[in-house]
Amino acid sequence: MTAYTIDLSPILTLTADQFDRLCEANPDVKFERTPAGELVIMSPTGGETGNENAELGAEFVFWNRQAKLGVVFDSSTCFRIPGGGDRSPDVAWVEKS
């Protein structure tokens, strides 16, 4: 997988709201945003990585079905990070509140 990082700071500051609107306007493109406001464009993964991600996600789902402690998300979910930025991890687990 290749990620392209674009530093927009010479021309603008990419806010969280602007990032959200950019993602909504381009649903077929996988964007992330760094804490510095840089735009990251993610390319699709290859077969090996896709398989590894699916296996890892399945392990989380199976574990969570038994433990019932939270919610599992795949890489299509974008999380707003408290320290800044928006990221889409390969797999994520969030504890129930």
PDB file of N, CA and C in Angstrom:
ATOM      1  N   MET A   1       0.839  -1.165   0.000  1.00  0.00           N
ATOM      2  CA  MET A   1       0.000   0.000   0.000  1.00  0.00           C
ATOM      3  C   MET A   1       0.888   1.232   0.000  1.00  0.00           C
ATOM      4  N   THR A   2       0.498   2.199  -0.773  1.00  0.00           N
ATOM      5  CA  THR A   2       1.212   3.461  -0.843  1.00  0.00           C
ATOM      6  C   THR A   2       0.332   4.551  -0.261  1.00  0.00           C
ATOM      7  N   ALA A   3       0.932   5.413   0.550  1.00  0.00           N
ATOM      8  CA  ALA A   3       0.219   6.569   1.091  1.00  0.00           C
ATOM      9  C   ALA A   3       0.895   7.822   0.572  1.00  0.00           C
ATOM     10  N   TYR A   4       0.102   8.742   0.102  1.00  0.00           N
ATOM     11  CA  TYR A   4       0.614  10.018  -0.387  1.00  0.00           C
ATOM     12  C   TYR A   4       0.210  11.096   0.607  1.00  0.00           C
ATOM     13  N   THR A   5       1.191  11.811   1.147  1.00  0.00           N
ATOM     14  CA  THR A   5       0.927  12.875   2.106  1.00  0.00           C
ATOM     15  C   THR A   5       1.116  14.215   1.424  1.00  0.00           C
ATOM     16  N   ILE A   6       0.105  15.055   1.533  1.00  0.00           N
ATOM     17  CA  ILE A   6       0.134  16.368   0.901  1.00  0.00           C
ATOM     18  C   ILE A   6       0.105  17.430   1.988  1.00  0.00           C
ATOM     19  N   ASP A   7       1.153  18.252   2.040  1.00  0.00           N
ATOM     20  CA  ASP A   7       1.225  19.350   2.997  1.00  0.00           C
ATOM     21  C   ASP A   7       0.471  20.539   2.414  1.00  0.00           C
ATOM     22  N   LEU A   8      -0.678  20.831   2.983  1.00  0.00           N
ATOM     23  CA  LEU A   8      -1.510  21.924   2.492  1.00  0.00           C
ATOM     24  C   LEU A   8      -1.209  23.250   3.185  1.00  0.00           C
ATOM     25  N   SER A   9      -0.310  23.233   4.187  1.00  0.00           N
ATOM     26  CA  SER A   9      -0.075  24.429   4.999  1.00  0.00           C
ATOM     27  C   SER A   9       0.367  25.671   4.219  1.00  0.00           C
ATOM     28  N   PRO A  10       1.056  25.535   3.081  1.00  0.00           N
ATOM     29  CA  PRO A  10       1.401  26.761   2.357  1.00  0.00           C
ATOM     30  C   PRO A  10       0.179  27.513   1.814  1.00  0.00           C
ATOM     31  N   ILE A  11      -0.948  26.802   1.661  1.00  0.00           N
ATOM     32  CA  ILE A  11      -2.111  27.476   1.076  1.00  0.00           C
ATOM     33  C   ILE A  11      -3.339  27.498   1.981  1.00  0.00           C
ATOM     34  N   LEU A  12      -3.458  26.527   2.912  1.00  0.00           N
ATOM     35  CA  LEU A  12      -4.619  26.514   3.808  1.00  0.00           C
ATOM     36  C   LEU A  12      -4.391  25.592   4.988  1.00  0.00           C
ATOM     37  N   THR A  13      -5.240  25.742   6.000  1.00  0.00           N
ATOM     38  CA  THR A  13      -5.265  24.838   7.136  1.00  0.00           C
ATOM     39  C   THR A  13      -6.502  23.969   6.976  1.00  0.00           C
ATOM     40  N   LEU A  14      -6.314  22.671   6.869  1.00  0.00           N
ATOM     41  CA  LEU A  14      -7.425  21.742   6.665  1.00  0.00           C
ATOM     42  C   LEU A  14      -8.066  21.442   8.017  1.00  0.00           C
ATOM     43  N   THR A  15      -9.233  22.023   8.261  1.00  0.00           N
ATOM     44  CA  THR A  15      -9.933  21.812   9.525  1.00  0.00           C
ATOM     45  C   THR A  15     -10.655  20.468   9.515  1.00  0.00           C
ATOM     46  N   ALA A  16     -11.111  20.046  10.686  1.00  0.00           N
ATOM     47  CA  ALA A  16     -11.859  18.795  10.788  1.00  0.00           C
ATOM     48  C   ALA A  16     -13.138  18.865   9.952  1.00  0.00           C
ATOM     49  N   ASP A  17     -13.822  19.999   9.978  1.00  0.00           N
ATOM     50  CA  ASP A  17     -15.049  20.156   9.193  1.00  0.00           C
ATOM     51  C   ASP A  17     -14.754  20.096   7.692  1.00  0.00           C
ATOM     52  N   GLN A  18     -13.702  20.759   7.260  1.00  0.00           N
ATOM     53  CA  GLN A  18     -13.327  20.711   5.842  1.00  0.00           C
ATOM     54  C   GLN A  18     -12.948  19.292   5.431  1.00  0.00           C
ATOM     55  N   PHE A  19     -12.239  18.594   6.316  1.00  0.00           N
ATOM     56  CA  PHE A  19     -11.866  17.209   6.037  1.00  0.00           C
ATOM     57  C   PHE A  19     -13.120  16.347   5.862  1.00  0.00           C
ATOM     58  N   ASP A  20     -14.087  16.516   6.757  1.00  0.00           N
ATOM     59  CA  ASP A  20     -15.335  15.752   6.660  1.00  0.00           C
ATOM     60  C   ASP A  20     -16.035  16.014   5.331  1.00  0.00           C
ATOM     61  N   ARG A  21     -16.112  17.272   4.931  1.00  0.00           N
ATOM     62  CA  ARG A  21     -16.771  17.621   3.666  1.00  0.00           C
ATOM     63  C   ARG A  21     -16.011  17.058   2.469  1.00  0.00           C
ATOM     64  N   LEU A  22     -14.681  17.071   2.535  1.00  0.00           N
ATOM     65  CA  LEU A  22     -13.863  16.501   1.462  1.00  0.00           C
ATOM     66  C   LEU A  22     -14.140  15.005   1.321  1.00  0.00           C
ATOM     67  N   CYS A  23     -14.210  14.298   2.444  1.00  0.00           N
ATOM     68  CA  CYS A  23     -14.492  12.857   2.419  1.00  0.00           C
ATOM     69  C   CYS A  23     -15.886  12.574   1.867  1.00  0.00           C
ATOM     70  N   GLU A  24     -16.868  13.363   2.278  1.00  0.00           N
ATOM     71  CA  GLU A  24     -18.236  13.173   1.797  1.00  0.00           C
ATOM     72  C   GLU A  24     -18.341  13.430   0.295  1.00  0.00           C
ATOM     73  N   ALA A  25     -17.571  14.388  -0.205  1.00  0.00           N
ATOM     74  CA  ALA A  25     -17.616  14.729  -1.632  1.00  0.00           C
ATOM     75  C   ALA A  25     -16.859  13.727  -2.498  1.00  0.00           C
ATOM     76  N   ASN A  26     -15.997  12.908  -1.876  1.00  0.00           N
ATOM     77  CA  ASN A  26     -15.160  11.947  -2.607  1.00  0.00           C
ATOM     78  C   ASN A  26     -15.228  10.575  -1.931  1.00  0.00           C
ATOM     79  N   PRO A  27     -16.391   9.928  -1.921  1.00  0.00           N
ATOM     80  CA  PRO A  27     -16.550   8.685  -1.163  1.00  0.00           C
ATOM     81  C   PRO A  27     -15.697   7.516  -1.657  1.00  0.00           C
ATOM     82  N   ASP A  28     -15.193   7.579  -2.869  1.00  0.00           N
ATOM     83  CA  ASP A  28     -14.386   6.482  -3.402  1.00  0.00           C
ATOM     84  C   ASP A  28     -12.903   6.622  -3.092  1.00  0.00           C
ATOM     85  N   VAL A  29     -12.524   7.714  -2.430  1.00  0.00           N
ATOM     86  CA  VAL A  29     -11.122   7.953  -2.088  1.00  0.00           C
ATOM     87  C   VAL A  29     -10.965   7.798  -0.580  1.00  0.00           C
ATOM     88  N   LYS A  30      -9.905   7.101  -0.153  1.00  0.00           N
ATOM     89  CA  LYS A  30      -9.659   6.900   1.268  1.00  0.00           C
ATOM     90  C   LYS A  30      -8.677   7.964   1.757  1.00  0.00           C
ATOM     91  N   PHE A  31      -9.203   8.943   2.488  1.00  0.00           N
ATOM     92  CA  PHE A  31      -8.392  10.026   3.030  1.00  0.00           C
ATOM     93  C   PHE A  31      -8.144   9.814   4.513  1.00  0.00           C
ATOM     94  N   GLU A  32      -7.009  10.310   4.983  1.00  0.00           N
ATOM     95  CA  GLU A  32      -6.736  10.462   6.399  1.00  0.00           C
ATOM     96  C   GLU A  32      -6.174  11.867   6.575  1.00  0.00           C
ATOM     97  N   ARG A  33      -6.117  12.331   7.835  1.00  0.00           N
ATOM     98  CA  ARG A  33      -5.592  13.667   8.120  1.00  0.00           C
ATOM     99  C   ARG A  33      -4.656  13.557   9.309  1.00  0.00           C
ATOM    100  N   THR A  34      -3.448  14.116   9.179  1.00  0.00           N
ATOM    101  CA  THR A  34      -2.471  14.069  10.267  1.00  0.00           C
ATOM    102  C   THR A  34      -2.803  15.145  11.300  1.00  0.00           C
ATOM    103  N   PRO A  35      -2.232  15.044  12.515  1.00  0.00           N
ATOM    104  CA  PRO A  35      -2.439  16.103  13.503  1.00  0.00           C
ATOM    105  C   PRO A  35      -1.993  17.481  13.002  1.00  0.00           C
ATOM    106  N   ALA A  36      -1.038  17.513  12.089  1.00  0.00           N
ATOM    107  CA  ALA A  36      -0.565  18.784  11.530  1.00  0.00           C
ATOM    108  C   ALA A  36      -1.498  19.302  10.435  1.00  0.00           C
ATOM    109  N   GLY A  37      -2.543  18.539  10.100  1.00  0.00           N
ATOM    110  CA  GLY A  37      -3.492  18.961   9.079  1.00  0.00           C
ATOM    111  C   GLY A  37      -3.115  18.550   7.672  1.00  0.00           C
ATOM    112  N   GLU A  38      -2.086  17.715   7.531  1.00  0.00           N
ATOM    113  CA  GLU A  38      -1.703  17.225   6.201  1.00  0.00           C
ATOM    114  C   GLU A  38      -2.748  16.219   5.724  1.00  0.00           C
ATOM    115  N   LEU A  39      -2.986  16.208   4.443  1.00  0.00           N
ATOM    116  CA  LEU A  39      -3.927  15.281   3.838  1.00  0.00           C
ATOM    117  C   LEU A  39      -3.170  14.031   3.403  1.00  0.00           C
ATOM    118  N   VAL A  40      -3.663  12.864   3.799  1.00  0.00           N
ATOM    119  CA  VAL A  40      -3.049  11.593   3.426  1.00  0.00           C
ATOM    120  C   VAL A  40      -4.036  10.854   2.529  1.00  0.00           C
ATOM    121  N   ILE A  41      -3.573  10.458   1.347  1.00  0.00           N
ATOM    122  CA  ILE A  41      -4.395   9.694   0.412  1.00  0.00           C
ATOM    123  C   ILE A  41      -3.867   8.268   0.407  1.00  0.00           C
ATOM    124  N   MET A  42      -4.727   7.324   0.775  1.00  0.00           N
ATOM    125  CA  MET A  42      -4.339   5.928   0.894  1.00  0.00           C
ATOM    126  C   MET A  42      -4.722   5.172  -0.373  1.00  0.00           C
ATOM    127  N   SER A  43      -3.786   4.377  -0.878  1.00  0.00           N
ATOM    128  CA  SER A  43      -4.085   3.534  -2.034  1.00  0.00           C
ATOM    129  C   SER A  43      -4.638   2.197  -1.543  1.00  0.00           C
ATOM    130  N   PRO A  44      -5.297   1.435  -2.402  1.00  0.00           N
ATOM    131  CA  PRO A  44      -5.775   0.111  -2.000  1.00  0.00           C
ATOM    132  C   PRO A  44      -4.602  -0.808  -1.643  1.00  0.00           C
ATOM    133  N   THR A  45      -4.879  -1.794  -0.803  1.00  0.00           N
ATOM    134  CA  THR A  45      -3.847  -2.764  -0.447  1.00  0.00           C
ATOM    135  C   THR A  45      -3.805  -3.869  -1.489  1.00  0.00           C
ATOM    136  N   GLY A  46      -2.768  -4.665  -1.436  1.00  0.00           N
ATOM    137  CA  GLY A  46      -2.674  -5.841  -2.292  1.00  0.00           C
ATOM    138  C   GLY A  46      -3.367  -7.019  -1.626  1.00  0.00           C
ATOM    139  N   GLY A  47      -3.368  -8.158  -2.306  1.00  0.00           N
ATOM    140  CA  GLY A  47      -4.055  -9.340  -1.811  1.00  0.00           C
ATOM    141  C   GLY A  47      -3.519  -9.863  -0.496  1.00  0.00           C
ATOM    142  N   GLU A  48      -2.196  -9.902  -0.348  1.00  0.00           N
ATOM    143  CA  GLU A  48      -1.607 -10.430   0.889  1.00  0.00           C
ATOM    144  C   GLU A  48      -1.997  -9.572   2.085  1.00  0.00           C
ATOM    145  N   THR A  49      -1.857  -8.266   1.947  1.00  0.00           N
ATOM    146  CA  THR A  49      -2.213  -7.362   3.040  1.00  0.00           C
ATOM    147  C   THR A  49      -3.704  -7.420   3.318  1.00  0.00           C
ATOM    148  N   GLY A  50      -4.520  -7.462   2.266  1.00  0.00           N
ATOM    149  CA  GLY A  50      -5.964  -7.559   2.445  1.00  0.00           C
ATOM    150  C   GLY A  50      -6.357  -8.809   3.212  1.00  0.00           C
ATOM    151  N   ASN A  51      -5.701  -9.924   2.908  1.00  0.00           N
ATOM    152  CA  ASN A  51      -5.968 -11.172   3.617  1.00  0.00           C
ATOM    153  C   ASN A  51      -5.545 -11.078   5.075  1.00  0.00           C
ATOM    154  N   GLU A  52      -4.362 -10.527   5.327  1.00  0.00           N
ATOM    155  CA  GLU A  52      -3.883 -10.371   6.707  1.00  0.00           C
ATOM    156  C   GLU A  52      -4.830  -9.485   7.510  1.00  0.00           C
ATOM    157  N   ASN A  53      -5.302  -8.402   6.896  1.00  0.00           N
ATOM    158  CA  ASN A  53      -6.230  -7.508   7.586  1.00  0.00           C
ATOM    159  C   ASN A  53      -7.548  -8.210   7.897  1.00  0.00           C
ATOM    160  N   ALA A  54      -8.044  -9.010   6.946  1.00  0.00           N
ATOM    161  CA  ALA A  54      -9.289  -9.748   7.162  1.00  0.00           C
ATOM    162  C   ALA A  54      -9.131 -10.768   8.287  1.00  0.00           C
ATOM    163  N   GLU A  55      -8.002 -11.473   8.299  1.00  0.00           N
ATOM    164  CA  GLU A  55      -7.739 -12.451   9.360  1.00  0.00           C
ATOM    165  C   GLU A  55      -7.675 -11.771  10.725  1.00  0.00           C
ATOM    166  N   LEU A  56      -6.979 -10.650  10.791  1.00  0.00           N
ATOM    167  CA  LEU A  56      -6.851  -9.914  12.052  1.00  0.00           C
ATOM    168  C   LEU A  56      -8.217  -9.413  12.514  1.00  0.00           C
ATOM    169  N   GLY A  57      -8.988  -8.854  11.590  1.00  0.00           N
ATOM    170  CA  GLY A  57     -10.325  -8.381  11.937  1.00  0.00           C
ATOM    171  C   GLY A  57     -11.205  -9.504  12.453  1.00  0.00           C
ATOM    172  N   ALA A  58     -11.109 -10.672  11.818  1.00  0.00           N
ATOM    173  CA  ALA A  58     -11.896 -11.828  12.252  1.00  0.00           C
ATOM    174  C   ALA A  58     -11.527 -12.240  13.671  1.00  0.00           C
ATOM    175  N   GLU A  59     -10.234 -12.227  13.986  1.00  0.00           N
ATOM    176  CA  GLU A  59      -9.794 -12.571  15.346  1.00  0.00           C
ATOM    177  C   GLU A  59     -10.417 -11.626  16.373  1.00  0.00           C
ATOM    178  N   PHE A  60     -10.423 -10.337  16.053  1.00  0.00           N
ATOM    179  CA  PHE A  60     -11.035  -9.358  16.957  1.00  0.00           C
ATOM    180  C   PHE A  60     -12.530  -9.630  17.120  1.00  0.00           C
ATOM    181  N   VAL A  61     -13.220  -9.915  16.016  1.00  0.00           N
ATOM    182  CA  VAL A  61     -14.659 -10.179  16.067  1.00  0.00           C
ATOM    183  C   VAL A  61     -14.941 -11.421  16.908  1.00  0.00           C
ATOM    184  N   PHE A  62     -14.210 -12.515  16.666  1.00  0.00           N
ATOM    185  CA  PHE A  62     -14.432 -13.751  17.424  1.00  0.00           C
ATOM    186  C   PHE A  62     -14.188 -13.525  18.912  1.00  0.00           C
ATOM    187  N   TRP A  63     -13.076 -12.836  19.234  1.00  0.00           N
ATOM    188  CA  TRP A  63     -12.767 -12.543  20.637  1.00  0.00           C
ATOM    189  C   TRP A  63     -13.871 -11.687  21.256  1.00  0.00           C
ATOM    190  N   ASN A  64     -14.292 -10.643  20.542  1.00  0.00           N
ATOM    191  CA  ASN A  64     -15.274  -9.716  21.091  1.00  0.00           C
ATOM    192  C   ASN A  64     -16.647 -10.367  21.255  1.00  0.00           C
ATOM    193  N   ARG A  65     -16.985 -11.322  20.394  1.00  0.00           N
ATOM    194  CA  ARG A  65     -18.260 -12.036  20.554  1.00  0.00           C
ATOM    195  C   ARG A  65     -18.279 -12.810  21.870  1.00  0.00           C
ATOM    196  N   GLN A  66     -17.125 -13.332  22.252  1.00  0.00           N
ATOM    197  CA  GLN A  66     -17.027 -14.056  23.518  1.00  0.00           C
ATOM    198  C   GLN A  66     -16.974 -13.091  24.703  1.00  0.00           C
ATOM    199  N   ALA A  67     -16.137 -12.066  24.589  1.00  0.00           N
ATOM    200  CA  ALA A  67     -15.901 -11.143  25.703  1.00  0.00           C
ATOM    201  C   ALA A  67     -17.041 -10.140  25.891  1.00  0.00           C
ATOM    202  N   LYS A  68     -17.679  -9.741  24.794  1.00  0.00           N
ATOM    203  CA  LYS A  68     -18.780  -8.763  24.826  1.00  0.00           C
ATOM    204  C   LYS A  68     -18.388  -7.490  25.574  1.00  0.00           C
ATOM    205  N   LEU A  69     -17.195  -7.011  25.282  1.00  0.00           N
ATOM    206  CA  LEU A  69     -16.681  -5.841  25.993  1.00  0.00           C
ATOM    207  C   LEU A  69     -16.689  -4.558  25.173  1.00  0.00           C
ATOM    208  N   GLY A  70     -16.923  -4.665  23.864  1.00  0.00           N
ATOM    209  CA  GLY A  70     -16.846  -3.461  23.047  1.00  0.00           C
ATOM    210  C   GLY A  70     -17.377  -3.685  21.650  1.00  0.00           C
ATOM    211  N   VAL A  71     -16.869  -2.870  20.728  1.00  0.00           N
ATOM    212  CA  VAL A  71     -17.310  -2.891  19.335  1.00  0.00           C
ATOM    213  C   VAL A  71     -16.079  -2.942  18.436  1.00  0.00           C
ATOM    214  N   VAL A  72     -16.133  -3.759  17.383  1.00  0.00           N
ATOM    215  CA  VAL A  72     -15.027  -3.899  16.429  1.00  0.00           C
ATOM    216  C   VAL A  72     -15.374  -3.132  15.154  1.00  0.00           C
ATOM    217  N   PHE A  73     -14.372  -2.447  14.592  1.00  0.00           N
ATOM    218  CA  PHE A  73     -14.541  -1.678  13.365  1.00  0.00           C
ATOM    219  C   PHE A  73     -13.491  -2.101  12.346  1.00  0.00           C
ATOM    220  N   ASP A  74     -13.829  -1.980  11.052  1.00  0.00           N
ATOM    221  CA  ASP A  74     -12.861  -2.295  10.002  1.00  0.00           C
ATOM    222  C   ASP A  74     -12.217  -1.012   9.485  1.00  0.00           C
ATOM    223  N   SER A  75     -11.425  -1.150   8.442  1.00  0.00           N
ATOM    224  CA  SER A  75     -10.636  -0.023   7.936  1.00  0.00           C
ATOM    225  C   SER A  75     -11.461   1.042   7.221  1.00  0.00           C
ATOM    226  N   SER A  76     -12.742   0.793   7.010  1.00  0.00           N
ATOM    227  CA  SER A  76     -13.568   1.829   6.382  1.00  0.00           C
ATOM    228  C   SER A  76     -14.040   2.869   7.396  1.00  0.00           C
ATOM    229  N   THR A  77     -13.729   2.649   8.678  1.00  0.00           N
ATOM    230  CA  THR A  77     -14.128   3.569   9.737  1.00  0.00           C
ATOM    231  C   THR A  77     -13.009   4.557  10.020  1.00  0.00           C
ATOM    232  N   CYS A  78     -13.350   5.832  10.004  1.00  0.00           N
ATOM    233  CA  CYS A  78     -12.370   6.880  10.284  1.00  0.00           C
ATOM    234  C   CYS A  78     -12.611   7.406  11.696  1.00  0.00           C
ATOM    235  N   PHE A  79     -11.555   7.468  12.488  1.00  0.00           N
ATOM    236  CA  PHE A  79     -11.646   7.938  13.865  1.00  0.00           C
ATOM    237  C   PHE A  79     -10.985   9.298  14.005  1.00  0.00           C
ATOM    238  N   ARG A  80     -11.644  10.206  14.701  1.00  0.00           N
ATOM    239  CA  ARG A  80     -11.046  11.499  15.035  1.00  0.00           C
ATOM    240  C   ARG A  80     -10.196  11.266  16.282  1.00  0.00           C
ATOM    241  N   ILE A  81      -8.894  11.501  16.160  1.00  0.00           N
ATOM    242  CA  ILE A  81      -7.946  11.219  17.233  1.00  0.00           C
ATOM    243  C   ILE A  81      -7.893  12.409  18.198  1.00  0.00           C
ATOM    244  N   PRO A  82      -7.946  12.158  19.526  1.00  0.00           N
ATOM    245  CA  PRO A  82      -7.935  13.272  20.482  1.00  0.00           C
ATOM    246  C   PRO A  82      -6.757  14.234  20.304  1.00  0.00           C
ATOM    247  N   GLY A  83      -5.588  13.733  19.935  1.00  0.00           N
ATOM    248  CA  GLY A  83      -4.418  14.589  19.745  1.00  0.00           C
ATOM    249  C   GLY A  83      -4.418  15.323  18.414  1.00  0.00           C
ATOM    250  N   GLY A  84      -5.430  15.084  17.608  1.00  0.00           N
ATOM    251  CA  GLY A  84      -5.533  15.716  16.298  1.00  0.00           C
ATOM    252  C   GLY A  84      -5.428  14.696  15.188  1.00  0.00           C
ATOM    253  N   GLY A  85      -6.057  14.982  14.099  1.00  0.00           N
ATOM    254  CA  GLY A  85      -6.015  14.105  12.938  1.00  0.00           C
ATOM    255  C   GLY A  85      -7.188  13.146  12.891  1.00  0.00           C
ATOM    256  N   ASP A  86      -7.299  12.491  11.767  1.00  0.00           N
ATOM    257  CA  ASP A  86      -8.350  11.517  11.504  1.00  0.00           C
ATOM    258  C   ASP A  86      -7.690  10.313  10.852  1.00  0.00           C
ATOM    259  N   ARG A  87      -7.859   9.136  11.459  1.00  0.00           N
ATOM    260  CA  ARG A  87      -7.175   7.939  10.965  1.00  0.00           C
ATOM    261  C   ARG A  87      -8.133   6.775  10.806  1.00  0.00           C
ATOM    262  N   SER A  88      -7.798   5.890   9.872  1.00  0.00           N
ATOM    263  CA  SER A  88      -8.566   4.672   9.611  1.00  0.00           C
ATOM    264  C   SER A  88      -7.645   3.470   9.799  1.00  0.00           C
ATOM    265  N   PRO A  89      -7.611   2.907  11.010  1.00  0.00           N
ATOM    266  CA  PRO A  89      -6.739   1.749  11.230  1.00  0.00           C
ATOM    267  C   PRO A  89      -7.261   0.515  10.497  1.00  0.00           C
ATOM    268  N   ASP A  90      -6.407  -0.466  10.312  1.00  0.00           N
ATOM    269  CA  ASP A  90      -6.814  -1.698   9.635  1.00  0.00           C
ATOM    270  C   ASP A  90      -7.944  -2.394  10.389  1.00  0.00           C
ATOM    271  N   VAL A  91      -7.862  -2.384  11.707  1.00  0.00           N
ATOM    272  CA  VAL A  91      -8.920  -2.914  12.570  1.00  0.00           C
ATOM    273  C   VAL A  91      -8.870  -2.116  13.873  1.00  0.00           C
ATOM    274  N   ALA A  92     -10.036  -1.919  14.469  1.00  0.00           N
ATOM    275  CA  ALA A  92     -10.083  -1.175  15.731  1.00  0.00           C
ATOM    276  C   ALA A  92     -11.102  -1.816  16.658  1.00  0.00           C
ATOM    277  N   TRP A  93     -10.848  -1.697  17.946  1.00  0.00           N
ATOM    278  CA  TRP A  93     -11.777  -2.155  18.967  1.00  0.00           C
ATOM    279  C   TRP A  93     -11.968  -1.010  19.946  1.00  0.00           C
ATOM    280  N   VAL A  94     -13.234  -0.716  20.265  1.00  0.00           N
ATOM    281  CA  VAL A  94     -13.546   0.357  21.202  1.00  0.00           C
ATOM    282  C   VAL A  94     -14.366  -0.238  22.337  1.00  0.00           C
ATOM    283  N   GLU A  95     -13.918   0.020  23.554  1.00  0.00           N
ATOM    284  CA  GLU A  95     -14.592  -0.487  24.741  1.00  0.00           C
ATOM    285  C   GLU A  95     -15.973   0.143  24.893  1.00  0.00           C
ATOM    286  N   LYS A  96     -16.948  -0.675  25.330  1.00  0.00           N
ATOM    287  CA  LYS A  96     -18.285  -0.147  25.616  1.00  0.00           C
ATOM    288  C   LYS A  96     -18.182   0.820  26.784  1.00  0.00           C
ATOM    289  N   SER A  97     -18.987   1.882  26.721  1.00  0.00           N
ATOM    290  CA  SER A  97     -18.946   2.837  27.841  1.00  0.00           C
ATOM    291  C   SER A  97     -20.015   2.554  28.859  1.00  0.00           C
TER     292      SER A  97
END
